[in-house]
Amino acid sequence: MKKGFEYRQHAQECRALANKMEQGEHRDQLLRMAETWDRLADDRDALISRHPEIAQPDEAARPANKR
């Protein structure tokens, strides 16, 4: 399973690609993908907060919605 910060990196990559594109469906899709990656990161952080024993090395819980 990926760590929250890895999900956030994917979100940043999607936004960076979207920012290089003109307005349109492909750009919108990348932005929606970024939102999904952010939600996954928030979910992972919440899970680690509830169950710190499942954290992977160098993975610390973050408060929800901290990006």
Foldseek 3Di string as FASTA:
>chain_A
DDALVVLQVQLVVLQVVLVVDDDDDSSVVSNVSSVVSLVVSLVRLVVCVVPVVPDDPPHHRDHGPDD
